[in-house]
Amino acid sequence: MDKKRRAFLWSGDKSGHSSPSSCLIAWIKVCSPKDFGGLGIWDLGVQNICLLLKLVHRLQSPQSSAWAIWVRGQVDITTLQGDLHGDHWQTLKTILPLYQAITMVEVGDGNTCSLWNDVWTGDECFADRFLALFSHSNIKTQTVKEAKTSGIRSTLVPRLSTMADHELQLAQRLLDQTSLSAAQDKRILDFLKPDNNIDTGAIYKMLKARGQSSDPKATFIWNTWAPPRVQLFMWLLLQRRIQCRTVLFTKHIVDSPTCEICNIMDETPEHIIHGFSLGKEVWRRLNLQSMISMDMGQLHTLSNHTSTVIPELPSFIALVCWQVWKARNAKVFRNEEHSV
């Protein structure tokens, strides 16, 4: 599926075939949200995980699902281990830790709450809070009820390190302070809709944003009145990935990176936008001389060089760059001369 989507994006080929040279940006970058420097294309792998989380959540809240009630009779709901097999079931097992990480458990009878992997007291699970103690555990599938019945010490190795022994006292104290009841354990989830279904869209955004920082170029590119094709062009331009001769040369598509218009300088993104005669004269006539020496990767900082704040400036710059690019293509491919 990604192969077909990639081919359609970069070459417009509906058959799903595209050469590596036509791909300008890594697909993982393309699938990043726009705020984080990507193109906002849906990441099907992450989206699939989010949708599968619905099934895991249904197993934890089985009241309205005959399938979930049946499954709970076949497996240990805490670990999803039991008499069920298949690739789909293995996939559900692999995403169980993610579900445990985004939920909290309000302990009732303790039967379905994992002692180590669920967040049931405080803001962290025991496995993360007591690292040394967890490494000394022989049984990592113990539930809170089992721990209350037999204690934590019975599942540990005979000899504990000093740190593990100290953590055991802290963990046992927290366990002793927890009271069990006849009610079932209750999952608390921030990503719930009013109908008790998971908000997969919110989880998707959270997963895609994890470990990333916002890109200051995003506002300059996407919060403009420029047409979508111009915005896409600016996204490529600010990453210096438009189809100039230096890019084509690195992909062994052309024999030389030299500009076909001036036949002197290498045709970089900067050379196309403000290096050759037409582009340079355009920016001079617009009294934007700061553009003439600007690296395209820093184009989003152009407003810092103006004396007043101009809300329309990003849109205007995008449209001028687009017209300069079109003028370059007209000269190279059709030998047409465009005036300033």
C-alpha atoms as a PDB file:
ATOM      1  CA  MET A   1       0.000   0.000   0.000  1.00  0.00           C
ATOM      2  CA  ASP A   2       2.782   2.439   0.883  1.00  0.00           C
ATOM      3  CA  LYS A   3       4.538   1.573  -2.369  1.00  0.00           C
ATOM      4  CA  LYS A   4       1.452   2.604  -4.348  1.00  0.00           C
ATOM      5  CA  ARG A   5       0.942   5.756  -2.307  1.00  0.00           C
ATOM      6  CA  ARG A   6       4.603   6.725  -2.669  1.00  0.00           C
ATOM      7  CA  ALA A   7       4.508   6.189  -6.440  1.00  0.00           C
ATOM      8  CA  PHE A   8       1.337   8.254  -6.797  1.00  0.00           C
ATOM      9  CA  LEU A   9       2.693  11.121  -4.685  1.00  0.00           C
ATOM     10  CA  TRP A  10       6.025  11.511  -6.447  1.00  0.00           C
ATOM     11  CA  SER A  11       5.247  10.475 -10.009  1.00  0.00           C
ATOM     12  CA  GLY A  12       1.452  10.314 -10.300  1.00  0.00           C
ATOM     13  CA  ASP A  13       1.709   6.650 -11.290  1.00  0.00           C
ATOM     14  CA  LYS A  14      -1.486   4.828 -10.287  1.00  0.00           C
ATOM     15  CA  SER A  15       0.046   1.419 -11.012  1.00  0.00           C
ATOM     16  CA  GLY A  16       2.324   1.696  -7.975  1.00  0.00           C
ATOM     17  CA  HIS A  17       5.625   1.697  -9.848  1.00  0.00           C
ATOM     18  CA  SER A  18       8.131   4.496  -9.350  1.00  0.00           C
ATOM     19  CA  SER A  19      11.881   4.770  -9.624  1.00  0.00           C
ATOM     20  CA  PRO A  20      13.904   5.579  -6.502  1.00  0.00           C
ATOM     21  CA  SER A  21      15.114   8.766  -8.211  1.00  0.00           C
ATOM     22  CA  SER A  22      11.594  10.228  -8.222  1.00  0.00           C
ATOM     23  CA  CYS A  23      11.298  10.083  -4.403  1.00  0.00           C
ATOM     24  CA  LEU A  24      12.548  13.384  -2.998  1.00  0.00           C
ATOM     25  CA  ILE A  25      11.909  12.934   0.742  1.00  0.00           C
ATOM     26  CA  ALA A  26      12.120   9.822   2.931  1.00  0.00           C
ATOM     27  CA  TRP A  27       8.668   8.275   3.411  1.00  0.00           C
ATOM     28  CA  ILE A  28       8.949   8.367   7.203  1.00  0.00           C
ATOM     29  CA  LYS A  29       9.406  12.141   6.908  1.00  0.00           C
ATOM     30  CA  VAL A  30       6.462  12.433   4.515  1.00  0.00           C
ATOM     31  CA  CYS A  31       4.249  10.668   7.076  1.00  0.00           C
ATOM     32  CA  SER A  32       5.218  13.046   9.888  1.00  0.00           C
ATOM     33  CA  PRO A  33       2.601  15.660  10.855  1.00  0.00           C
ATOM     34  CA  LYS A  34       2.935  19.053   9.190  1.00  0.00           C
ATOM     35  CA  ASP A  35       3.713  20.721  12.519  1.00  0.00           C
ATOM     36  CA  PHE A  36       6.774  18.476  12.817  1.00  0.00           C
ATOM     37  CA  GLY A  37       8.156  19.101   9.345  1.00  0.00           C
ATOM     38  CA  GLY A  38       6.330  16.388   7.415  1.00  0.00           C
ATOM     39  CA  LEU A  39       3.615  16.343   4.812  1.00  0.00           C
ATOM     40  CA  GLY A  40       0.921  14.909   7.070  1.00  0.00           C
ATOM     41  CA  ILE A  41       0.320  11.762   5.002  1.00  0.00           C
ATOM     42  CA  TRP A  42      -1.294   9.085   7.173  1.00  0.00           C
ATOM     43  CA  ASP A  43       1.147   6.503   8.511  1.00  0.00           C
ATOM     44  CA  LEU A  44      -0.796   3.305   7.884  1.00  0.00           C
ATOM     45  CA  GLY A  45       1.335   1.249  10.279  1.00  0.00           C
ATOM     46  CA  VAL A  46       0.694   3.585  13.213  1.00  0.00           C
ATOM     47  CA  GLN A  47      -2.954   3.998  12.215  1.00  0.00           C
ATOM     48  CA  ASN A  48      -3.386   0.219  12.214  1.00  0.00           C
ATOM     49  CA  ILE A  49      -1.936   0.007  15.724  1.00  0.00           C
ATOM     50  CA  CYS A  50      -4.380   2.667  16.893  1.00  0.00           C
ATOM     51  CA  LEU A  51      -7.309   0.762  15.414  1.00  0.00           C
ATOM     52  CA  LEU A  52      -6.152  -2.513  16.976  1.00  0.00           C
ATOM     53  CA  LEU A  53      -6.077  -0.771  20.347  1.00  0.00           C
ATOM     54  CA  LYS A  54      -9.864  -0.721  20.058  1.00  0.00           C
ATOM     55  CA  LEU A  55      -9.879  -4.532  20.211  1.00  0.00           C
ATOM     56  CA  VAL A  56      -7.566  -4.576  23.224  1.00  0.00           C
ATOM     57  CA  HIS A  57      -9.792  -2.038  24.959  1.00  0.00           C
ATOM     58  CA  ARG A  58     -12.866  -4.108  24.137  1.00  0.00           C
ATOM     59  CA  LEU A  59     -11.285  -7.087  25.882  1.00  0.00           C
ATOM     60  CA  GLN A  60     -10.838  -4.953  28.977  1.00  0.00           C
ATOM     61  CA  SER A  61     -14.448  -3.701  28.817  1.00  0.00           C
ATOM     62  CA  PRO A  62     -16.341  -6.750  27.563  1.00  0.00           C
ATOM     63  CA  GLN A  63     -19.870  -5.903  28.721  1.00  0.00           C
ATOM     64  CA  SER A  64     -21.227  -5.116  25.236  1.00  0.00           C
ATOM     65  CA  SER A  65     -19.138  -7.555  23.203  1.00  0.00           C
ATOM     66  CA  ALA A  66     -19.878 -11.275  22.914  1.00  0.00           C
ATOM     67  CA  TRP A  67     -16.487 -11.742  21.253  1.00  0.00           C
ATOM     68  CA  ALA A  68     -14.668 -10.127  24.186  1.00  0.00           C
ATOM     69  CA  ILE A  69     -16.597 -12.207  26.727  1.00  0.00           C
ATOM     70  CA  TRP A  70     -15.687 -15.391  24.826  1.00  0.00           C
ATOM     71  CA  VAL A  71     -12.000 -14.421  24.557  1.00  0.00           C
ATOM     72  CA  ARG A  72     -11.780 -13.698  28.288  1.00  0.00           C
ATOM     73  CA  GLY A  73     -12.787 -17.313  28.849  1.00  0.00           C
ATOM     74  CA  GLN A  74      -9.858 -18.547  26.739  1.00  0.00           C
ATOM     75  CA  VAL A  75      -6.934 -16.347  27.824  1.00  0.00           C
ATOM     76  CA  ASP A  76      -5.392 -14.555  30.771  1.00  0.00           C
ATOM     77  CA  ILE A  77      -6.609 -11.030  30.105  1.00  0.00           C
ATOM     78  CA  THR A  78      -3.640  -9.517  31.948  1.00  0.00           C
ATOM     79  CA  THR A  79      -1.055 -10.968  29.543  1.00  0.00           C
ATOM     80  CA  LEU A  80      -3.254 -12.197  26.631  1.00  0.00           C
ATOM     81  CA  GLN A  81      -1.619 -15.613  27.028  1.00  0.00           C
ATOM     82  CA  GLY A  82      -3.872 -18.594  26.446  1.00  0.00           C
ATOM     83  CA  ASP A  83      -5.421 -21.038  24.004  1.00  0.00           C
ATOM     84  CA  LEU A  84      -5.651 -18.665  21.030  1.00  0.00           C
ATOM     85  CA  HIS A  85      -3.267 -18.601  18.084  1.00  0.00           C
ATOM     86  CA  GLY A  86      -2.706 -16.726  14.845  1.00  0.00           C
ATOM     87  CA  ASP A  87      -0.799 -13.731  13.512  1.00  0.00           C
ATOM     88  CA  HIS A  88      -3.587 -11.335  14.451  1.00  0.00           C
ATOM     89  CA  TRP A  89      -3.503 -12.559  18.040  1.00  0.00           C
ATOM     90  CA  GLN A  90       0.272 -12.173  18.205  1.00  0.00           C
ATOM     91  CA  THR A  91      -0.152  -8.599  16.987  1.00  0.00           C
ATOM     92  CA  LEU A  92      -2.593  -7.846  19.795  1.00  0.00           C
ATOM     93  CA  LYS A  93      -0.047  -9.174  22.280  1.00  0.00           C
ATOM     94  CA  THR A  94       2.671  -6.877  20.925  1.00  0.00           C
ATOM     95  CA  ILE A  95       0.543  -3.753  21.370  1.00  0.00           C
ATOM     96  CA  LEU A  96      -0.671  -4.693  24.865  1.00  0.00           C
ATOM     97  CA  PRO A  97       2.259  -2.793  26.498  1.00  0.00           C
ATOM     98  CA  LEU A  98       1.196   0.339  24.610  1.00  0.00           C
ATOM     99  CA  TYR A  99      -2.353  -0.022  25.901  1.00  0.00           C
ATOM    100  CA  GLN A 100      -1.049  -0.491  29.444  1.00  0.00           C
ATOM    101  CA  ALA A 101       1.133   2.614  29.068  1.00  0.00           C
ATOM    102  CA  ILE A 102      -1.763   4.909  28.090  1.00  0.00           C
ATOM    103  CA  THR A 103      -4.226   3.615  30.687  1.00  0.00           C
ATOM    104  CA  MET A 104      -4.488   3.655  34.455  1.00  0.00           C
ATOM    105  CA  VAL A 105      -6.221   0.985  36.532  1.00  0.00           C
ATOM    106  CA  GLU A 106      -8.573   1.695  39.382  1.00  0.00           C
ATOM    107  CA  VAL A 107      -8.013  -1.478  41.356  1.00  0.00           C
ATOM    108  CA  GLY A 108     -11.093  -3.491  42.280  1.00  0.00           C
ATOM    109  CA  ASP A 109     -10.589  -7.229  42.759  1.00  0.00           C
ATOM    110  CA  GLY A 110      -7.074  -7.045  41.252  1.00  0.00           C
ATOM    111  CA  ASN A 111      -7.688  -9.984  38.906  1.00  0.00           C
ATOM    112  CA  THR A 112      -6.928  -8.149  35.648  1.00  0.00           C
ATOM    113  CA  CYS A 113      -4.381  -5.606  36.875  1.00  0.00           C
ATOM    114  CA  SER A 114      -0.748  -6.454  36.189  1.00  0.00           C
ATOM    115  CA  LEU A 115       1.456  -5.822  39.218  1.00  0.00           C
ATOM    116  CA  TRP A 116       4.454  -4.783  37.119  1.00  0.00           C
ATOM    117  CA  ASN A 117       3.157  -3.418  33.819  1.00  0.00           C
ATOM    118  CA  ASP A 118      -0.057  -1.567  34.665  1.00  0.00           C
ATOM    119  CA  VAL A 119      -0.195   1.905  36.186  1.00  0.00           C
ATOM    120  CA  TRP A 120      -2.336   1.316  39.266  1.00  0.00           C
ATOM    121  CA  THR A 121      -0.706   3.506  41.901  1.00  0.00           C
ATOM    122  CA  GLY A 122       1.059   6.788  41.199  1.00  0.00           C
ATOM    123  CA  ASP A 123       2.055   7.857  37.691  1.00  0.00           C
ATOM    124  CA  GLU A 124       4.366   4.969  36.774  1.00  0.00           C
ATOM    125  CA  CYS A 125       4.118   1.219  36.588  1.00  0.00           C
ATOM    126  CA  PHE A 126       6.178  -0.834  39.036  1.00  0.00           C
ATOM    127  CA  ALA A 127       8.472  -2.050  36.224  1.00  0.00           C
ATOM    128  CA  ASP A 128       9.594   1.528  35.547  1.00  0.00           C
ATOM    129  CA  ARG A 129       9.545   2.740  39.137  1.00  0.00           C
ATOM    130  CA  PHE A 130      11.460  -0.192  40.649  1.00  0.00           C
ATOM    131  CA  LEU A 131      13.960  -1.177  37.963  1.00  0.00           C
ATOM    132  CA  ALA A 132      16.296  -3.161  40.205  1.00  0.00           C
ATOM    133  CA  LEU A 133      13.463  -5.074  41.850  1.00  0.00           C
ATOM    134  CA  PHE A 134      11.870  -5.866  38.499  1.00  0.00           C
ATOM    135  CA  SER A 135      15.141  -7.314  37.234  1.00  0.00           C
ATOM    136  CA  HIS A 136      15.132  -9.719  40.199  1.00  0.00           C
ATOM    137  CA  SER A 137      11.615 -11.013  39.488  1.00  0.00           C
ATOM    138  CA  ASN A 138      11.153 -14.568  38.189  1.00  0.00           C
ATOM    139  CA  ILE A 139       7.439 -14.102  37.474  1.00  0.00           C
ATOM    140  CA  LYS A 140       6.638 -10.888  35.660  1.00  0.00           C
ATOM    141  CA  THR A 141       3.002 -11.795  34.944  1.00  0.00           C
ATOM    142  CA  GLN A 142       1.821 -11.544  38.548  1.00  0.00           C
ATOM    143  CA  THR A 143      -1.460  -9.699  39.128  1.00  0.00           C
ATOM    144  CA  VAL A 144      -2.167  -7.346  42.003  1.00  0.00           C
ATOM    145  CA  LYS A 145      -4.479  -9.928  43.584  1.00  0.00           C
ATOM    146  CA  GLU A 146      -1.805 -12.635  43.398  1.00  0.00           C
ATOM    147  CA  ALA A 147       0.725 -10.257  44.917  1.00  0.00           C
ATOM    148  CA  LYS A 148      -1.684  -9.409  47.744  1.00  0.00           C
ATOM    149  CA  THR A 149      -2.243 -13.102  48.381  1.00  0.00           C
ATOM    150  CA  SER A 150       1.315 -14.446  48.244  1.00  0.00           C
ATOM    151  CA  GLY A 151       3.399 -11.284  48.484  1.00  0.00           C
ATOM    152  CA  ILE A 152       6.009  -9.934  46.088  1.00  0.00           C
ATOM    153  CA  ARG A 153       8.968 -11.716  47.732  1.00  0.00           C
ATOM    154  CA  SER A 154       7.784 -15.163  46.683  1.00  0.00           C
ATOM    155  CA  THR A 155       8.373 -14.341  42.994  1.00  0.00           C
ATOM    156  CA  LEU A 156      11.876 -12.935  43.402  1.00  0.00           C
ATOM    157  CA  VAL A 157      15.286 -14.607  43.203  1.00  0.00           C
ATOM    158  CA  PRO A 158      16.693 -15.784  46.573  1.00  0.00           C
ATOM    159  CA  ARG A 159      19.386 -13.127  46.864  1.00  0.00           C
ATOM    160  CA  LEU A 160      18.598  -9.461  46.267  1.00  0.00           C
ATOM    161  CA  SER A 161      20.942  -6.575  45.684  1.00  0.00           C
ATOM    162  CA  THR A 162      20.942  -3.727  48.173  1.00  0.00           C
ATOM    163  CA  MET A 163      18.964  -1.529  45.797  1.00  0.00           C
ATOM    164  CA  ALA A 164      16.453  -4.295  45.037  1.00  0.00           C
ATOM    165  CA  ASP A 165      15.947  -4.957  48.754  1.00  0.00           C
ATOM    166  CA  HIS A 166      15.289  -1.265  49.359  1.00  0.00           C
ATOM    167  CA  GLU A 167      12.815  -1.134  46.454  1.00  0.00           C
ATOM    168  CA  LEU A 168      11.077  -4.271  47.748  1.00  0.00           C
ATOM    169  CA  GLN A 169      10.244  -2.513  50.988  1.00  0.00           C
ATOM    170  CA  LEU A 170       8.804   0.490  49.096  1.00  0.00           C
ATOM    171  CA  ALA A 171       6.802  -1.695  46.708  1.00  0.00           C
ATOM    172  CA  GLN A 172       5.431  -3.905  49.471  1.00  0.00           C
ATOM    173  CA  ARG A 173       4.369  -0.826  51.420  1.00  0.00           C
ATOM    174  CA  LEU A 174       2.394   0.478  48.409  1.00  0.00           C
ATOM    175  CA  LEU A 175       0.835  -2.956  47.932  1.00  0.00           C
ATOM    176  CA  ASP A 176      -0.178  -3.162  51.573  1.00  0.00           C
ATOM    177  CA  GLN A 177      -1.872   0.239  51.316  1.00  0.00           C
ATOM    178  CA  THR A 178      -4.030  -1.003  48.433  1.00  0.00           C
ATOM    179  CA  SER A 179      -7.364  -2.561  49.359  1.00  0.00           C
ATOM    180  CA  LEU A 180      -9.196  -5.025  47.137  1.00  0.00           C
ATOM    181  CA  SER A 181     -12.951  -5.092  46.661  1.00  0.00           C
ATOM    182  CA  ALA A 182     -15.554  -7.232  44.947  1.00  0.00           C
ATOM    183  CA  ALA A 183     -15.789  -4.847  41.992  1.00  0.00           C
ATOM    184  CA  GLN A 184     -13.937  -5.484  38.741  1.00  0.00           C
ATOM    185  CA  ASP A 185     -10.780  -3.532  37.921  1.00  0.00           C
ATOM    186  CA  LYS A 186     -11.625  -0.379  35.968  1.00  0.00           C
ATOM    187  CA  ARG A 187      -9.504   1.051  33.159  1.00  0.00           C
ATOM    188  CA  ILE A 188      -9.148   4.839  33.100  1.00  0.00           C
ATOM    189  CA  LEU A 189      -8.202   6.283  29.709  1.00  0.00           C
ATOM    190  CA  ASP A 190      -7.838   9.912  28.612  1.00  0.00           C
ATOM    191  CA  PHE A 191      -8.542   8.987  24.993  1.00  0.00           C
ATOM    192  CA  LEU A 192     -12.134   7.855  25.472  1.00  0.00           C
ATOM    193  CA  LYS A 193     -15.163   9.102  23.565  1.00  0.00           C
ATOM    194  CA  PRO A 194     -18.572   9.471  25.281  1.00  0.00           C
ATOM    195  CA  ASP A 195     -19.620   6.062  23.885  1.00  0.00           C
ATOM    196  CA  ASN A 196     -16.645   4.422  25.697  1.00  0.00           C
ATOM    197  CA  ASN A 197     -14.768   3.813  22.424  1.00  0.00           C
ATOM    198  CA  ILE A 198     -11.148   4.840  22.035  1.00  0.00           C
ATOM    199  CA  ASP A 199     -10.411   8.091  20.205  1.00  0.00           C
ATOM    200  CA  THR A 200      -7.906   6.617  17.748  1.00  0.00           C
ATOM    201  CA  GLY A 201      -7.297   9.981  16.096  1.00  0.00           C
ATOM    202  CA  ALA A 202      -6.016  11.491  19.346  1.00  0.00           C
ATOM    203  CA  ILE A 203      -3.803   8.458  20.016  1.00  0.00           C
ATOM    204  CA  TYR A 204      -2.416   8.644  16.474  1.00  0.00           C
ATOM    205  CA  LYS A 205      -1.421  12.291  16.972  1.00  0.00           C
ATOM    206  CA  MET A 206       0.167  11.442  20.308  1.00  0.00           C
ATOM    207  CA  LEU A 207       2.227   8.574  18.851  1.00  0.00           C
ATOM    208  CA  LYS A 208       3.382  10.594  15.833  1.00  0.00           C
ATOM    209  CA  ALA A 209       4.379  13.532  18.025  1.00  0.00           C
ATOM    210  CA  ARG A 210       6.366  11.370  20.454  1.00  0.00           C
ATOM    211  CA  GLY A 211      10.051  12.248  20.408  1.00  0.00           C
ATOM    212  CA  GLN A 212       9.605  15.047  17.864  1.00  0.00           C
ATOM    213  CA  SER A 213       9.798  18.807  18.187  1.00  0.00           C
ATOM    214  CA  SER A 214       7.722  21.316  16.265  1.00  0.00           C
ATOM    215  CA  ASP A 215       9.250  22.681  13.070  1.00  0.00           C
ATOM    216  CA  PRO A 216       9.420  26.508  12.872  1.00  0.00           C
ATOM    217  CA  LYS A 217       9.122  26.231   9.077  1.00  0.00           C
ATOM    218  CA  ALA A 218       5.632  24.717   9.283  1.00  0.00           C
ATOM    219  CA  THR A 219       3.794  27.997   9.889  1.00  0.00           C
ATOM    220  CA  PHE A 220       5.698  29.703   7.078  1.00  0.00           C
ATOM    221  CA  ILE A 221       4.749  26.921   4.652  1.00  0.00           C
ATOM    222  CA  TRP A 222       1.214  25.902   5.533  1.00  0.00           C
ATOM    223  CA  ASN A 223      -0.397  28.969   7.148  1.00  0.00           C
ATOM    224  CA  THR A 224      -0.510  30.891   3.888  1.00  0.00           C
ATOM    225  CA  TRP A 225      -3.055  31.725   1.202  1.00  0.00           C
ATOM    226  CA  ALA A 226      -0.919  30.104  -1.481  1.00  0.00           C
ATOM    227  CA  PRO A 227      -2.504  27.231  -3.471  1.00  0.00           C
ATOM    228  CA  PRO A 228      -1.727  23.692  -2.253  1.00  0.00           C
ATOM    229  CA  ARG A 229       0.689  22.979  -5.116  1.00  0.00           C
ATOM    230  CA  VAL A 230       2.672  26.084  -4.173  1.00  0.00           C
ATOM    231  CA  GLN A 231       2.715  25.044  -0.512  1.00  0.00           C
ATOM    232  CA  LEU A 232       4.054  21.626  -1.516  1.00  0.00           C
ATOM    233  CA  PHE A 233       6.724  23.308  -3.628  1.00  0.00           C
ATOM    234  CA  MET A 234       7.740  25.500  -0.678  1.00  0.00           C
ATOM    235  CA  TRP A 235       7.911  22.443   1.567  1.00  0.00           C
ATOM    236  CA  LEU A 236      10.406  20.885  -0.830  1.00  0.00           C
ATOM    237  CA  LEU A 237      12.259  24.169  -1.336  1.00  0.00           C
ATOM    238  CA  LEU A 238      12.846  24.800   2.363  1.00  0.00           C
ATOM    239  CA  GLN A 239      14.310  21.296   2.608  1.00  0.00           C
ATOM    240  CA  ARG A 240      16.427  22.014  -0.512  1.00  0.00           C
ATOM    241  CA  ARG A 241      14.898  19.025  -2.297  1.00  0.00           C
ATOM    242  CA  ILE A 242      13.347  20.529  -5.434  1.00  0.00           C
ATOM    243  CA  GLN A 243      14.410  18.881  -8.704  1.00  0.00           C
ATOM    244  CA  CYS A 244      17.424  21.104  -9.369  1.00  0.00           C
ATOM    245  CA  ARG A 245      20.513  19.786 -11.169  1.00  0.00           C
ATOM    246  CA  THR A 246      22.562  19.322  -7.984  1.00  0.00           C
ATOM    247  CA  VAL A 247      19.884  16.958  -6.651  1.00  0.00           C
ATOM    248  CA  LEU A 248      19.592  15.177  -9.994  1.00  0.00           C
ATOM    249  CA  PHE A 249      23.395  14.894 -10.195  1.00  0.00           C
ATOM    250  CA  THR A 250      23.617  13.135  -6.821  1.00  0.00           C
ATOM    251  CA  LYS A 251      21.060  10.623  -8.153  1.00  0.00           C
ATOM    252  CA  HIS A 252      23.129  10.092 -11.342  1.00  0.00           C
ATOM    253  CA  ILE A 253      20.302  11.363 -13.542  1.00  0.00           C
ATOM    254  CA  VAL A 254      22.327  14.177 -15.149  1.00  0.00           C
ATOM    255  CA  ASP A 255      26.027  14.283 -15.972  1.00  0.00           C
ATOM    256  CA  SER A 256      26.718  17.707 -14.519  1.00  0.00           C
ATOM    257  CA  PRO A 257      25.233  19.941 -11.804  1.00  0.00           C
ATOM    258  CA  THR A 258      26.024  23.103 -13.806  1.00  0.00           C
ATOM    259  CA  CYS A 259      23.117  25.469 -14.475  1.00  0.00           C
ATOM    260  CA  GLU A 260      21.839  25.229 -18.053  1.00  0.00           C
ATOM    261  CA  ILE A 261      20.951  28.924 -18.110  1.00  0.00           C
ATOM    262  CA  CYS A 262      24.185  30.575 -16.956  1.00  0.00           C
ATOM    263  CA  ASN A 263      26.533  27.636 -17.648  1.00  0.00           C
ATOM    264  CA  ILE A 264      28.774  28.854 -14.814  1.00  0.00           C
ATOM    265  CA  MET A 265      27.400  28.035 -11.364  1.00  0.00           C
ATOM    266  CA  ASP A 266      25.994  24.778  -9.981  1.00  0.00           C
ATOM    267  CA  GLU A 267      22.199  24.790 -10.077  1.00  0.00           C
ATOM    268  CA  THR A 268      21.305  24.644  -6.385  1.00  0.00           C
ATOM    269  CA  PRO A 269      17.898  25.652  -4.963  1.00  0.00           C
ATOM    270  CA  GLU A 270      19.441  28.995  -3.997  1.00  0.00           C
ATOM    271  CA  HIS A 271      20.772  29.513  -7.533  1.00  0.00           C
ATOM    272  CA  ILE A 272      17.330  28.912  -9.039  1.00  0.00           C
ATOM    273  CA  ILE A 273      15.446  31.230  -6.676  1.00  0.00           C
ATOM    274  CA  HIS A 274      17.896  34.134  -6.425  1.00  0.00           C
ATOM    275  CA  GLY A 275      21.135  33.200  -8.187  1.00  0.00           C
ATOM    276  CA  PHE A 276      20.587  33.491 -11.903  1.00  0.00           C
ATOM    277  CA  SER A 277      19.816  36.842 -13.528  1.00  0.00           C
ATOM    278  CA  LEU A 278      15.999  36.750 -13.559  1.00  0.00           C
ATOM    279  CA  GLY A 279      15.578  35.690  -9.925  1.00  0.00           C
ATOM    280  CA  LYS A 280      18.195  38.155  -8.703  1.00  0.00           C
ATOM    281  CA  GLU A 281      16.541  41.051 -10.541  1.00  0.00           C
ATOM    282  CA  VAL A 282      13.082  40.112  -9.231  1.00  0.00           C
ATOM    283  CA  TRP A 283      14.174  40.363  -5.600  1.00  0.00           C
ATOM    284  CA  ARG A 284      16.107  43.567  -6.249  1.00  0.00           C
ATOM    285  CA  ARG A 285      13.074  45.218  -7.834  1.00  0.00           C
ATOM    286  CA  LEU A 286      10.934  44.086  -4.870  1.00  0.00           C
ATOM    287  CA  ASN A 287      13.465  45.694  -2.510  1.00  0.00           C
ATOM    288  CA  LEU A 288      14.081  42.334  -0.803  1.00  0.00           C
ATOM    289  CA  GLN A 289      17.847  42.219  -1.161  1.00  0.00           C
ATOM    290  CA  SER A 290      18.100  39.983   1.913  1.00  0.00           C
ATOM    291  CA  MET A 291      16.671  37.179  -0.243  1.00  0.00           C
ATOM    292  CA  ILE A 292      19.624  37.306  -2.635  1.00  0.00           C
ATOM    293  CA  SER A 293      22.048  35.761  -0.144  1.00  0.00           C
ATOM    294  CA  MET A 294      19.630  33.611   1.874  1.00  0.00           C
ATOM    295  CA  ASP A 295      19.956  29.857   2.302  1.00  0.00           C
ATOM    296  CA  MET A 296      16.651  28.221   1.350  1.00  0.00           C
ATOM    297  CA  GLY A 297      16.674  26.258   4.588  1.00  0.00           C
ATOM    298  CA  GLN A 298      16.424  29.598   6.429  1.00  0.00           C
ATOM    299  CA  LEU A 299      13.764  31.139   4.204  1.00  0.00           C
ATOM    300  CA  HIS A 300      11.209  30.989   7.018  1.00  0.00           C
ATOM    301  CA  THR A 301      13.267  33.598   8.931  1.00  0.00           C
ATOM    302  CA  LEU A 302      12.831  36.209   6.189  1.00  0.00           C
ATOM    303  CA  SER A 303      10.232  38.143   8.210  1.00  0.00           C
ATOM    304  CA  ASN A 304      12.959  38.822  10.796  1.00  0.00           C
ATOM    305  CA  HIS A 305      14.683  41.036   8.231  1.00  0.00           C
ATOM    306  CA  THR A 306      11.693  43.318   7.627  1.00  0.00           C
ATOM    307  CA  SER A 307      11.114  46.467   9.654  1.00  0.00           C
ATOM    308  CA  THR A 308       7.390  45.770  10.168  1.00  0.00           C
ATOM    309  CA  VAL A 309       5.285  42.631  10.569  1.00  0.00           C
ATOM    310  CA  ILE A 310       3.582  41.755   7.275  1.00  0.00           C
ATOM    311  CA  PRO A 311       1.069  38.878   7.677  1.00  0.00           C
ATOM    312  CA  GLU A 312       0.875  38.387   3.908  1.00  0.00           C
ATOM    313  CA  LEU A 313       4.659  38.101   3.465  1.00  0.00           C
ATOM    314  CA  PRO A 314       4.911  34.250   3.564  1.00  0.00           C
ATOM    315  CA  SER A 315       2.143  33.954   0.946  1.00  0.00           C
ATOM    316  CA  PHE A 316       3.769  36.596  -1.225  1.00  0.00           C
ATOM    317  CA  ILE A 317       7.236  35.019  -0.979  1.00  0.00           C
ATOM    318  CA  ALA A 318       5.809  31.587  -1.821  1.00  0.00           C
ATOM    319  CA  LEU A 319       4.072  32.884  -4.938  1.00  0.00           C
ATOM    320  CA  VAL A 320       7.141  34.773  -6.161  1.00  0.00           C
ATOM    321  CA  CYS A 321       9.382  31.727  -5.638  1.00  0.00           C
ATOM    322  CA  TRP A 322       6.836  29.634  -7.520  1.00  0.00           C
ATOM    323  CA  GLN A 323       6.818  32.060 -10.470  1.00  0.00           C
ATOM    324  CA  VAL A 324      10.633  32.160 -10.564  1.00  0.00           C
ATOM    325  CA  TRP A 325      10.646  28.342 -10.587  1.00  0.00           C
ATOM    326  CA  LYS A 326       8.130  28.313 -13.456  1.00  0.00           C
ATOM    327  CA  ALA A 327      10.231  30.864 -15.364  1.00  0.00           C
ATOM    328  CA  ARG A 328      13.302  28.663 -14.935  1.00  0.00           C
ATOM    329  CA  ASN A 329      11.405  25.622 -16.256  1.00  0.00           C
ATOM    330  CA  ALA A 330      10.096  27.617 -19.208  1.00  0.00           C
ATOM    331  CA  LYS A 331      13.646  28.621 -20.148  1.00  0.00           C
ATOM    332  CA  VAL A 332      15.180  25.155 -19.648  1.00  0.00           C
ATOM    333  CA  PHE A 333      12.469  23.008 -21.240  1.00  0.00           C
ATOM    334  CA  ARG A 334      10.807  25.341 -23.790  1.00  0.00           C
ATOM    335  CA  ASN A 335      13.448  28.029 -24.310  1.00  0.00           C
ATOM    336  CA  GLU A 336      10.929  30.726 -23.356  1.00  0.00           C
ATOM    337  CA  GLU A 337      12.110  34.019 -21.909  1.00  0.00           C
ATOM    338  CA  HIS A 338      10.046  35.507 -19.060  1.00  0.00           C
ATOM    339  CA  SER A 339      10.441  39.167 -18.151  1.00  0.00           C
ATOM    340  CA  VAL A 340      10.713  40.474 -14.607  1.00  0.00           C
END
